[in-house]
N, C-alpha and C. Protein backbone atom coordinates (compact mmCIF):
# COMPACT_ATOMS: atom_id res chain seq x y z
N CYS A 1 95.19 -94.15 -2.51
CA CYS A 1 93.68 -93.41 -2.51
C CYS A 1 92.84 -94.54 -2.53
N VAL A 2 92.86 -96.25 -3.34
CA VAL A 2 91.91 -97.73 -3.63
C VAL A 2 91.92 -97.86 -2.37
N THR A 3 92.79 -98.13 -1.64
CA THR A 3 93.15 -98.37 -0.42
C THR A 3 91.53 -97.79 0.01
N MET A 4 92.17 -96.85 -0.05
CA MET A 4 91.01 -95.83 0.71
C MET A 4 89.47 -95.58 0.10
N LEU A 5 89.28 -95.46 -1.26
CA LEU A 5 87.88 -95.52 -1.33
C LEU A 5 87.97 -97.40 -0.77
N GLN A 6 88.14 -98.07 -1.16
CA GLN A 6 87.44 -99.69 -1.22
C GLN A 6 87.28 -99.80 1.19
N MET A 7 87.66 -98.66 1.53
CA MET A 7 87.52 -98.31 2.93
C MET A 7 86.27 -98.00 3.17
N MET A 8 86.26 -96.73 1.93
CA MET A 8 84.99 -96.05 1.89
C MET A 8 83.65 -96.87 1.91
N LEU A 9 84.20 -97.22 0.61
CA LEU A 9 83.03 -98.10 0.42
C LEU A 9 82.25 -99.98 1.25
N ASN A 10 83.68 -100.02 2.27
CA ASN A 10 83.08 -100.83 3.17
C ASN A 10 82.32 -100.59 3.88
N THR A 11 82.70 -99.21 4.26
CA THR A 11 81.86 -98.90 5.66
C THR A 11 80.55 -98.62 4.86
N ILE A 12 80.30 -97.90 3.95
CA ILE A 12 78.90 -97.69 3.34
C ILE A 12 78.11 -99.32 3.19
N ALA A 13 79.30 -100.17 2.86
CA ALA A 13 77.66 -101.27 2.73
C ALA A 13 77.57 -102.40 4.41
N ASP A 14 78.87 -102.09 4.88
CA ASP A 14 78.68 -102.33 6.48
C ASP A 14 77.15 -101.41 6.71
N ARG A 15 76.95 -99.53 6.51
CA ARG A 15 76.15 -99.09 7.67
C ARG A 15 74.99 -98.92 6.59
N TYR A 16 75.49 -98.82 5.10
CA TYR A 16 73.55 -97.82 4.75
C TYR A 16 73.54 -99.02 3.58
N VAL A 17 73.99 -99.62 2.31
CA VAL A 17 73.62 -99.66 1.42
C VAL A 17 74.24 -101.14 1.06
N ASN A 18 73.39 -102.00 -0.06
CA ASN A 18 74.28 -103.60 -0.35
C ASN A 18 74.98 -102.86 -1.73
N VAL A 19 76.70 -102.91 -0.90
CA VAL A 19 77.43 -102.95 -1.90
C VAL A 19 78.07 -103.51 -1.69
N SER A 20 79.12 -104.40 -2.41
CA SER A 20 79.73 -105.40 -2.87
C SER A 20 81.23 -104.99 -1.91
N ARG A 21 81.35 -106.50 -0.90
CA ARG A 21 82.36 -105.48 0.64
C ARG A 21 83.54 -105.53 -0.77
N VAL A 22 85.13 -104.76 -0.52
CA VAL A 22 86.51 -105.27 -1.93
C VAL A 22 87.51 -104.67 -1.04
N SER A 23 88.98 -105.64 -0.84
CA SER A 23 89.86 -105.61 -0.17
C SER A 23 91.43 -105.60 -0.86
N SER A 24 91.24 -105.48 -1.84
CA SER A 24 91.95 -105.99 -2.39
C SER A 24 93.45 -105.20 -2.74
N GLY A 25 92.96 -103.78 -2.90
CA GLY A 25 94.22 -102.84 -2.86
C GLY A 25 94.03 -102.29 -3.97
N ASP A 26 93.52 -103.26 -5.26
CA ASP A 26 93.84 -102.68 -6.58
C ASP A 26 92.57 -102.35 -7.21
N PHE A 27 92.45 -101.11 -7.51
CA PHE A 27 91.48 -100.72 -8.73
C PHE A 27 90.46 -102.00 -9.49
N ASP A 28 90.48 -103.07 -8.98
CA ASP A 28 90.11 -103.85 -10.50
C ASP A 28 88.53 -104.13 -10.72
N ARG A 29 88.21 -105.50 -10.78
CA ARG A 29 86.93 -105.67 -11.41
C ARG A 29 85.82 -105.55 -10.57
N SER A 30 86.43 -106.21 -8.52
CA SER A 30 85.06 -105.44 -7.86
C SER A 30 85.24 -104.26 -6.93
N THR A 31 86.37 -103.64 -7.44
CA THR A 31 86.30 -102.76 -7.13
C THR A 31 84.93 -101.66 -7.89
N ALA A 32 85.86 -101.82 -8.96
CA ALA A 32 84.69 -101.61 -10.33
C ALA A 32 83.28 -101.38 -10.11
N ASN A 33 82.78 -103.04 -9.88
CA ASN A 33 81.87 -103.19 -9.48
C ASN A 33 81.01 -102.89 -7.92
N ALA A 34 81.81 -102.60 -6.89
CA ALA A 34 81.40 -101.87 -5.55
C ALA A 34 80.68 -100.49 -5.88
N VAL A 35 82.07 -99.28 -6.79
CA VAL A 35 81.35 -98.22 -6.99
C VAL A 35 80.23 -98.35 -7.87
N LYS A 36 80.22 -99.02 -8.48
CA LYS A 36 78.61 -98.89 -10.12
C LYS A 36 77.38 -99.38 -8.31
N ASP A 37 77.59 -100.03 -7.39
CA ASP A 37 77.16 -100.79 -6.38
C ASP A 37 76.22 -99.48 -5.74
N MET A 38 77.25 -98.46 -5.45
CA MET A 38 77.40 -96.86 -4.78
C MET A 38 76.66 -95.83 -5.77
N GLN A 39 77.03 -96.51 -7.39
CA GLN A 39 75.96 -94.99 -7.99
C GLN A 39 74.87 -95.63 -7.90
N ARG A 40 74.59 -96.70 -8.58
CA ARG A 40 72.88 -97.17 -8.23
C ARG A 40 72.46 -96.95 -7.59
N PHE A 41 72.62 -96.70 -6.07
CA PHE A 41 71.43 -96.68 -4.78
C PHE A 41 71.96 -94.24 -5.05
N ALA A 42 72.44 -93.92 -5.01
CA ALA A 42 72.74 -92.94 -5.59
C ALA A 42 72.12 -91.67 -6.80
N ARG A 43 71.48 -93.11 -7.35
CA ARG A 43 70.71 -92.41 -9.04
C ARG A 43 72.07 -91.91 -9.81
N LEU A 44 73.48 -92.05 -10.15
CA LEU A 44 73.83 -91.17 -10.76
C LEU A 44 74.57 -93.37 -11.58
N PRO A 45 74.42 -92.42 -12.98
CA PRO A 45 75.52 -93.21 -14.16
C PRO A 45 76.36 -94.52 -13.37
N GLU A 46 75.67 -95.31 -13.49
CA GLU A 46 76.48 -96.94 -13.37
C GLU A 46 78.04 -97.00 -14.10
N THR A 47 78.59 -96.18 -14.68
CA THR A 47 79.70 -96.67 -15.40
C THR A 47 80.97 -97.06 -14.36
N GLY A 48 80.94 -97.26 -12.74
CA GLY A 48 82.19 -97.93 -12.44
C GLY A 48 83.76 -97.50 -12.19
N ARG A 49 83.49 -96.28 -12.59
CA ARG A 49 84.49 -95.02 -12.72
C ARG A 49 84.15 -94.08 -11.24
N THR A 50 84.80 -92.72 -10.64
CA THR A 50 85.01 -92.70 -9.63
C THR A 50 85.19 -91.01 -9.88
N ASP A 51 84.45 -90.46 -10.89
CA ASP A 51 83.94 -88.74 -11.11
C ASP A 51 83.71 -88.10 -9.99
N ARG A 52 83.40 -86.96 -9.81
CA ARG A 52 83.08 -86.36 -9.43
C ARG A 52 82.05 -86.63 -8.29
N PRO A 53 80.95 -86.21 -9.21
CA PRO A 53 80.06 -86.75 -7.84
C PRO A 53 79.64 -88.39 -7.72
N THR A 54 80.74 -89.07 -8.10
CA THR A 54 80.22 -90.35 -7.59
C THR A 54 81.09 -90.04 -5.61
N TRP A 55 82.08 -89.61 -6.07
CA TRP A 55 82.97 -88.88 -4.97
C TRP A 55 81.89 -88.83 -4.04
N ASN A 56 81.65 -87.40 -4.42
CA ASN A 56 80.93 -87.11 -3.53
C ASN A 56 79.19 -88.43 -2.49
N ALA A 57 79.23 -88.98 -3.53
CA ALA A 57 78.37 -89.85 -2.78
C ALA A 57 78.96 -90.98 -1.72
N ILE A 58 80.09 -91.44 -2.70
CA ILE A 58 80.68 -91.62 -1.20
C ILE A 58 81.29 -91.79 -0.34
N ALA A 59 81.70 -90.24 -0.15
CA ALA A 59 81.76 -89.07 1.29
C ALA A 59 80.69 -89.27 2.07
N LEU A 60 79.81 -88.89 1.31
CA LEU A 60 78.55 -88.39 2.04
C LEU A 60 78.38 -89.19 2.97
N PRO A 61 78.47 -90.43 3.10
CA PRO A 61 78.08 -91.93 4.02
C PRO A 61 79.13 -92.07 4.55
N THR A 62 80.27 -92.00 4.22
CA THR A 62 81.08 -91.89 4.99
C THR A 62 81.23 -90.76 6.27
N ALA A 63 80.86 -89.93 6.37
CA ALA A 63 80.98 -88.71 7.39
C ALA A 63 80.55 -88.58 8.43
N GLY A 64 79.64 -90.06 8.78
CA GLY A 64 78.97 -89.77 9.52
C GLY A 64 77.56 -89.37 10.39
N ARG A 65 77.10 -88.75 8.99
CA ARG A 65 75.54 -88.20 8.95
C ARG A 65 74.67 -89.55 9.37
N SER A 66 73.10 -89.63 9.67
CA SER A 66 72.55 -89.92 9.55
C SER A 66 72.56 -90.94 8.62
N THR A 67 71.75 -91.81 8.39
CA THR A 67 71.15 -92.17 6.83
C THR A 67 70.06 -91.58 6.57
N ALA A 68 68.81 -90.91 6.98
CA ALA A 68 67.81 -90.03 5.75
C ALA A 68 68.70 -89.41 6.28
N ASN A 69 69.37 -88.18 6.59
CA ASN A 69 70.21 -86.57 6.49
C ASN A 69 70.80 -87.36 4.60
N THR A 70 71.90 -88.72 4.70
CA THR A 70 72.81 -89.20 3.92
C THR A 70 72.27 -89.18 2.14
N ILE A 71 70.99 -90.38 2.61
CA ILE A 71 69.98 -90.24 1.45
C ILE A 71 69.67 -88.84 0.97
N SER A 72 68.95 -87.89 1.59
CA SER A 72 68.00 -86.77 1.07
C SER A 72 69.58 -85.75 0.48
N SER A 73 70.64 -85.95 1.20
CA SER A 73 72.27 -85.26 0.76
C SER A 73 72.51 -85.80 -0.69
N MET A 74 72.20 -87.00 -0.59
CA MET A 74 72.48 -87.58 -1.85
C MET A 74 72.10 -86.97 -3.03
N ARG A 75 70.37 -87.02 -2.32
CA ARG A 75 68.99 -86.99 -4.06
C ARG A 75 69.60 -85.34 -3.74
N SER A 76 70.21 -84.73 -3.46
CA SER A 76 69.78 -83.29 -3.50
C SER A 76 71.30 -82.76 -4.60
N GLU A 77 71.95 -83.58 -4.04
CA GLU A 77 73.65 -83.46 -5.33
C GLU A 77 73.57 -84.37 -6.08
N VAL A 78 72.90 -85.21 -6.26
CA VAL A 78 72.53 -85.95 -7.96
C VAL A 78 71.59 -85.68 -8.86
N ASN A 79 70.59 -84.38 -7.97
CA ASN A 79 69.32 -83.37 -9.11
C ASN A 79 70.44 -82.14 -8.93
N GLY A 80 71.52 -81.70 -8.69
CA GLY A 80 71.63 -80.69 -8.72
C GLY A 80 72.97 -80.60 -9.77
N ALA A 81 74.00 -81.63 -9.89
CA ALA A 81 75.45 -81.78 -10.25
C ALA A 81 75.19 -82.16 -11.38
N ALA A 82 76.57 -81.06 -12.08
CA ALA A 82 76.61 -81.51 -13.13
C ALA A 82 77.89 -82.58 -13.26
N ILE A 83 77.22 -83.65 -14.19
CA ILE A 83 78.12 -85.28 -14.66
C ILE A 83 79.12 -84.67 -15.05
N GLY A 84 80.46 -84.49 -14.44
CA GLY A 84 81.66 -84.27 -15.37
C GLY A 84 82.33 -85.86 -16.12
N GLN A 85 83.20 -85.64 -16.58
CA GLN A 85 84.04 -86.59 -17.50
C GLN A 85 84.55 -87.22 -15.82
N SER A 86 83.41 -88.59 -16.95
CA SER A 86 85.11 -89.43 -15.55
C SER A 86 85.76 -90.30 -15.72
N GLN A 87 87.02 -89.83 -14.23
CA GLN A 87 87.81 -90.58 -14.01
C GLN A 87 88.61 -91.51 -12.88
N PRO A 88 88.86 -92.49 -14.03
CA PRO A 88 89.48 -94.28 -12.84
C PRO A 88 90.24 -93.22 -11.57
N ALA A 89 90.00 -94.07 -10.42
CA ALA A 89 90.60 -93.86 -9.15
C ALA A 89 92.62 -94.03 -9.07
N ALA A 90 92.88 -92.54 -8.27
CA ALA A 90 94.48 -92.87 -8.64
C ALA A 90 95.16 -93.95 -7.97
N GLU A 91 95.83 -94.41 -8.48
CA GLU A 91 96.70 -95.65 -7.85
C GLU A 91 97.14 -95.43 -6.30
N THR A 92 97.46 -96.01 -5.65
CA THR A 92 98.60 -95.56 -4.83
C THR A 92 99.79 -96.14 -4.14
């Protein structure tokens, strides 16, 4: 699951925003920093943890949507989402 998260973050880094690239295979400090980068872009609390709103924000840009639609969808989701308790990404 961590490897998938890192691949998704790298796709986002390549296509949309300034997210740190990661490839360690572990949920380490560099992965948490990349998650924080994505959270900042999505206007979510910058925890470095992959809670539901964070996963949703990471999944949207990697689903093949255009940048404008992705940003619009992310903002709508962030504005309407109830922030749940943060949980770390599951290990592989």
